[in-house]
Amino acid sequence: MKLQMHSIHFDADIKLLDFIQKKADKLETFFDRIIDGEVFMRLEKGEARENKIVEIKINIPGNQLFAKVQSSSFEAAADEAVEALRRQLKKHKEKLYEHH
């Protein structure tokens, strides 16, 4: 899946980008008509440990799915965001098949 990566207030290293890409690619096993997606990684200013935010937006025919997770590491946030999108895709797919 083609993903546009944006890191805000920091420079993401290639390992992090690869990690998120690999995680997101797994979504295609649940729904094979994903068009593309966008990932925003943001560092919140402040003292909180959980200051890393990952937002993932994916485009599917006729719809857009979105997940936003805040965590203490980008990997954990990406993991949770991809899991949230997986659940949304499953729901979307079930609705599609109910109509047919």
N, C-alpha and C. Protein backbone atom coordinates (compact mmCIF):
# COMPACT_ATOMS: atom_id res chain seq x y z
N MET A 1 0.84 -1.18 0.00
CA MET A 1 0.00 0.00 0.00
C MET A 1 0.89 1.24 0.00
N LYS A 2 0.49 2.22 -0.79
CA LYS A 2 1.28 3.45 -0.86
C LYS A 2 0.92 4.33 0.33
N LEU A 3 1.92 4.64 1.15
CA LEU A 3 1.70 5.48 2.32
C LEU A 3 2.55 6.75 2.22
N GLN A 4 1.95 7.87 2.53
CA GLN A 4 2.71 9.11 2.65
C GLN A 4 3.01 9.29 4.13
N MET A 5 4.28 9.46 4.46
CA MET A 5 4.67 9.61 5.87
C MET A 5 5.02 11.06 6.16
N HIS A 6 4.50 11.56 7.28
CA HIS A 6 4.81 12.92 7.71
C HIS A 6 5.26 12.87 9.17
N SER A 7 6.45 13.36 9.45
CA SER A 7 6.87 13.46 10.85
C SER A 7 6.92 14.94 11.22
N ILE A 8 6.19 15.28 12.27
CA ILE A 8 6.03 16.68 12.65
C ILE A 8 6.81 16.94 13.94
N HIS A 9 7.63 17.98 13.95
CA HIS A 9 8.48 18.38 15.09
C HIS A 9 9.66 17.45 15.32
N PHE A 10 9.96 16.54 14.39
CA PHE A 10 11.14 15.68 14.52
C PHE A 10 11.38 15.00 13.17
N ASP A 11 12.53 14.35 13.04
CA ASP A 11 12.82 13.57 11.83
C ASP A 11 12.73 12.09 12.16
N ALA A 12 11.82 11.40 11.51
CA ALA A 12 11.66 9.97 11.76
C ALA A 12 12.79 9.21 11.08
N ASP A 13 13.34 8.23 11.76
CA ASP A 13 14.40 7.44 11.13
C ASP A 13 13.80 6.35 10.25
N ILE A 14 14.61 5.83 9.37
CA ILE A 14 14.14 4.87 8.36
C ILE A 14 13.57 3.60 9.00
N LYS A 15 14.11 3.20 10.15
CA LYS A 15 13.61 2.00 10.84
C LYS A 15 12.16 2.18 11.26
N LEU A 16 11.84 3.37 11.78
CA LEU A 16 10.47 3.66 12.21
C LEU A 16 9.53 3.67 11.00
N LEU A 17 9.96 4.31 9.91
CA LEU A 17 9.13 4.36 8.71
C LEU A 17 8.87 2.96 8.15
N ASP A 18 9.92 2.14 8.13
CA ASP A 18 9.78 0.75 7.65
C ASP A 18 8.82 -0.03 8.53
N PHE A 19 8.96 0.16 9.85
CA PHE A 19 8.11 -0.53 10.81
C PHE A 19 6.64 -0.22 10.54
N ILE A 20 6.34 1.08 10.39
CA ILE A 20 4.95 1.49 10.16
C ILE A 20 4.46 0.98 8.81
N GLN A 21 5.30 1.03 7.79
CA GLN A 21 4.92 0.54 6.47
C GLN A 21 4.58 -0.95 6.52
N LYS A 22 5.43 -1.73 7.20
CA LYS A 22 5.18 -3.19 7.31
C LYS A 22 3.88 -3.47 8.03
N LYS A 23 3.64 -2.74 9.12
CA LYS A 23 2.41 -2.92 9.89
C LYS A 23 1.19 -2.60 9.01
N ALA A 24 1.26 -1.46 8.33
CA ALA A 24 0.13 -1.01 7.51
C ALA A 24 -0.11 -1.96 6.34
N ASP A 25 0.96 -2.53 5.78
CA ASP A 25 0.81 -3.46 4.66
C ASP A 25 -0.03 -4.66 5.05
N LYS A 26 0.01 -5.04 6.31
CA LYS A 26 -0.77 -6.20 6.77
C LYS A 26 -2.28 -5.95 6.66
N LEU A 27 -2.67 -4.68 6.64
CA LEU A 27 -4.10 -4.36 6.52
C LEU A 27 -4.67 -4.88 5.21
N GLU A 28 -3.81 -4.98 4.20
CA GLU A 28 -4.29 -5.44 2.90
C GLU A 28 -4.72 -6.90 2.92
N THR A 29 -4.29 -7.65 3.93
CA THR A 29 -4.75 -9.04 4.02
C THR A 29 -6.22 -9.09 4.46
N PHE A 30 -6.69 -8.00 5.11
CA PHE A 30 -8.08 -7.96 5.55
C PHE A 30 -9.00 -7.34 4.52
N PHE A 31 -8.43 -6.40 3.74
CA PHE A 31 -9.25 -5.71 2.74
C PHE A 31 -8.32 -5.33 1.60
N ASP A 32 -8.53 -5.91 0.42
CA ASP A 32 -7.56 -5.75 -0.66
C ASP A 32 -7.82 -4.56 -1.56
N ARG A 33 -8.81 -3.71 -1.22
CA ARG A 33 -9.10 -2.58 -2.10
C ARG A 33 -8.69 -1.25 -1.49
N ILE A 34 -7.68 -1.26 -0.63
CA ILE A 34 -7.17 -0.02 -0.04
C ILE A 34 -6.46 0.77 -1.14
N ILE A 35 -6.82 2.02 -1.27
CA ILE A 35 -6.25 2.86 -2.33
C ILE A 35 -4.87 3.36 -1.90
N ASP A 36 -4.84 4.10 -0.82
CA ASP A 36 -3.57 4.62 -0.30
C ASP A 36 -3.79 5.11 1.12
N GLY A 37 -2.77 5.68 1.71
CA GLY A 37 -2.91 6.14 3.08
C GLY A 37 -1.91 7.23 3.42
N GLU A 38 -2.13 7.83 4.58
CA GLU A 38 -1.27 8.89 5.06
C GLU A 38 -1.01 8.65 6.54
N VAL A 39 0.24 8.86 6.95
CA VAL A 39 0.60 8.68 8.35
C VAL A 39 1.20 9.98 8.87
N PHE A 40 0.69 10.43 10.00
CA PHE A 40 1.26 11.60 10.66
C PHE A 40 1.84 11.16 12.00
N MET A 41 3.13 11.44 12.19
CA MET A 41 3.76 11.15 13.47
C MET A 41 4.08 12.49 14.10
N ARG A 42 3.61 12.69 15.32
CA ARG A 42 3.74 13.99 15.95
C ARG A 42 4.32 13.84 17.34
N LEU A 43 5.24 14.72 17.67
CA LEU A 43 5.80 14.78 19.02
C LEU A 43 5.11 15.92 19.76
N GLU A 44 4.40 15.59 20.83
CA GLU A 44 3.74 16.63 21.62
C GLU A 44 4.77 17.27 22.55
N LYS A 45 4.68 18.55 22.67
CA LYS A 45 5.56 19.23 23.64
C LYS A 45 4.96 19.05 25.03
N GLY A 46 5.83 18.97 26.02
CA GLY A 46 5.33 18.82 27.38
C GLY A 46 6.08 17.73 28.12
N GLU A 47 5.72 17.55 29.37
CA GLU A 47 6.45 16.61 30.24
C GLU A 47 5.90 15.19 30.18
N ALA A 48 4.72 15.02 29.63
CA ALA A 48 4.09 13.69 29.64
C ALA A 48 4.95 12.66 28.91
N ARG A 49 5.02 11.44 29.47
CA ARG A 49 5.77 10.36 28.82
C ARG A 49 5.09 9.92 27.53
N GLU A 50 3.78 9.91 27.56
CA GLU A 50 3.04 9.48 26.37
C GLU A 50 2.85 10.66 25.43
N ASN A 51 3.96 11.10 24.83
CA ASN A 51 3.90 12.32 24.03
C ASN A 51 4.05 12.04 22.54
N LYS A 52 3.92 10.78 22.15
CA LYS A 52 4.07 10.44 20.73
C LYS A 52 2.71 10.07 20.16
N ILE A 53 2.35 10.75 19.08
CA ILE A 53 1.03 10.54 18.48
C ILE A 53 1.20 10.03 17.05
N VAL A 54 0.45 8.99 16.73
CA VAL A 54 0.44 8.48 15.36
C VAL A 54 -1.00 8.55 14.87
N GLU A 55 -1.17 9.20 13.72
CA GLU A 55 -2.48 9.25 13.07
C GLU A 55 -2.35 8.59 11.71
N ILE A 56 -3.25 7.66 11.43
CA ILE A 56 -3.22 6.99 10.13
C ILE A 56 -4.58 7.15 9.47
N LYS A 57 -4.52 7.59 8.22
CA LYS A 57 -5.72 7.78 7.42
C LYS A 57 -5.58 6.86 6.22
N ILE A 58 -6.57 6.02 5.96
CA ILE A 58 -6.50 5.21 4.74
C ILE A 58 -7.75 5.43 3.90
N ASN A 59 -7.53 5.43 2.60
CA ASN A 59 -8.62 5.64 1.65
C ASN A 59 -9.02 4.30 1.04
N ILE A 60 -10.31 4.05 1.11
CA ILE A 60 -10.86 2.86 0.46
C ILE A 60 -11.98 3.36 -0.45
N PRO A 61 -12.40 2.56 -1.43
CA PRO A 61 -13.43 3.06 -2.36
C PRO A 61 -14.65 3.60 -1.62
N GLY A 62 -14.94 4.88 -1.82
CA GLY A 62 -16.13 5.49 -1.24
C GLY A 62 -16.04 5.83 0.23
N ASN A 63 -14.86 5.71 0.83
CA ASN A 63 -14.78 5.94 2.26
C ASN A 63 -13.35 6.26 2.68
N GLN A 64 -13.22 6.78 3.89
CA GLN A 64 -11.90 7.05 4.46
C GLN A 64 -11.93 6.60 5.91
N LEU A 65 -10.92 5.84 6.32
CA LEU A 65 -10.85 5.38 7.71
C LEU A 65 -9.72 6.12 8.41
N PHE A 66 -9.88 6.33 9.71
CA PHE A 66 -8.92 7.14 10.46
C PHE A 66 -8.71 6.55 11.85
N ALA A 67 -7.47 6.58 12.31
CA ALA A 67 -7.17 6.18 13.68
C ALA A 67 -6.09 7.09 14.23
N LYS A 68 -6.24 7.47 15.49
CA LYS A 68 -5.26 8.34 16.15
C LYS A 68 -4.95 7.74 17.51
N VAL A 69 -3.66 7.51 17.78
CA VAL A 69 -3.27 6.90 19.06
C VAL A 69 -2.09 7.67 19.65
N GLN A 70 -2.16 7.88 20.95
CA GLN A 70 -1.07 8.54 21.68
C GLN A 70 -0.45 7.52 22.61
N SER A 71 0.88 7.44 22.59
CA SER A 71 1.56 6.43 23.40
C SER A 71 2.95 6.92 23.78
N SER A 72 3.70 6.06 24.51
CA SER A 72 5.04 6.45 24.93
C SER A 72 6.08 6.16 23.85
N SER A 73 5.70 5.37 22.83
CA SER A 73 6.63 5.16 21.70
C SER A 73 5.83 5.16 20.40
N PHE A 74 6.51 5.56 19.33
CA PHE A 74 5.83 5.60 18.04
C PHE A 74 5.44 4.19 17.60
N GLU A 75 6.29 3.20 17.93
CA GLU A 75 5.98 1.82 17.53
C GLU A 75 4.68 1.35 18.19
N ALA A 76 4.55 1.62 19.49
CA ALA A 76 3.34 1.19 20.21
C ALA A 76 2.11 1.92 19.66
N ALA A 77 2.26 3.21 19.39
CA ALA A 77 1.14 3.99 18.86
C ALA A 77 0.75 3.49 17.48
N ALA A 78 1.75 3.21 16.64
CA ALA A 78 1.48 2.71 15.28
C ALA A 78 0.77 1.36 15.35
N ASP A 79 1.27 0.50 16.24
CA ASP A 79 0.67 -0.81 16.46
C ASP A 79 -0.82 -0.69 16.77
N GLU A 80 -1.14 0.16 17.74
CA GLU A 80 -2.54 0.34 18.16
C GLU A 80 -3.38 0.96 17.06
N ALA A 81 -2.80 1.93 16.34
CA ALA A 81 -3.55 2.60 15.27
C ALA A 81 -3.88 1.61 14.15
N VAL A 82 -2.90 0.78 13.78
CA VAL A 82 -3.13 -0.22 12.73
C VAL A 82 -4.19 -1.22 13.19
N GLU A 83 -4.13 -1.60 14.47
CA GLU A 83 -5.14 -2.53 15.02
C GLU A 83 -6.54 -1.90 14.96
N ALA A 84 -6.63 -0.62 15.30
CA ALA A 84 -7.92 0.08 15.23
C ALA A 84 -8.44 0.11 13.80
N LEU A 85 -7.55 0.35 12.84
CA LEU A 85 -7.94 0.36 11.43
C LEU A 85 -8.36 -1.04 10.97
N ARG A 86 -7.69 -2.05 11.48
CA ARG A 86 -8.06 -3.43 11.12
C ARG A 86 -9.50 -3.70 11.54
N ARG A 87 -9.86 -3.28 12.76
CA ARG A 87 -11.23 -3.47 13.24
C ARG A 87 -12.22 -2.70 12.37
N GLN A 88 -11.85 -1.45 12.00
CA GLN A 88 -12.73 -0.65 11.14
C GLN A 88 -12.91 -1.30 9.77
N LEU A 89 -11.82 -1.84 9.22
CA LEU A 89 -11.90 -2.50 7.91
C LEU A 89 -12.81 -3.72 7.99
N LYS A 90 -12.68 -4.47 9.07
CA LYS A 90 -13.51 -5.66 9.24
C LYS A 90 -14.99 -5.28 9.29
N LYS A 91 -15.30 -4.24 10.04
CA LYS A 91 -16.67 -3.75 10.14
C LYS A 91 -17.18 -3.29 8.77
N HIS A 92 -16.33 -2.55 8.07
CA HIS A 92 -16.69 -2.04 6.74
C HIS A 92 -16.98 -3.20 5.79
N LYS A 93 -16.14 -4.21 5.85
CA LYS A 93 -16.28 -5.37 4.97
C LYS A 93 -17.58 -6.12 5.29
N GLU A 94 -17.88 -6.27 6.59
CA GLU A 94 -19.12 -6.94 6.99
C GLU A 94 -20.33 -6.18 6.46
N LYS A 95 -20.30 -4.86 6.55
CA LYS A 95 -21.41 -4.05 6.03
C LYS A 95 -21.55 -4.22 4.53
N LEU A 96 -20.40 -4.27 3.81
CA LEU A 96 -20.45 -4.46 2.37
C LEU A 96 -21.15 -5.74 2.01
N TYR A 97 -20.81 -6.82 2.72
CA TYR A 97 -21.37 -8.12 2.38
C TYR A 97 -22.81 -8.27 2.85
N GLU A 98 -23.24 -7.49 3.85
CA GLU A 98 -24.65 -7.52 4.26
C GLU A 98 -25.53 -6.97 3.16
N HIS A 99 -25.02 -5.98 2.42
CA HIS A 99 -25.82 -5.34 1.36
C HIS A 99 -25.92 -6.19 0.11
N HIS A 100 -24.98 -7.10 -0.09
CA HIS A 100 -24.99 -7.89 -1.33
C HIS A 100 -25.68 -9.22 -1.15
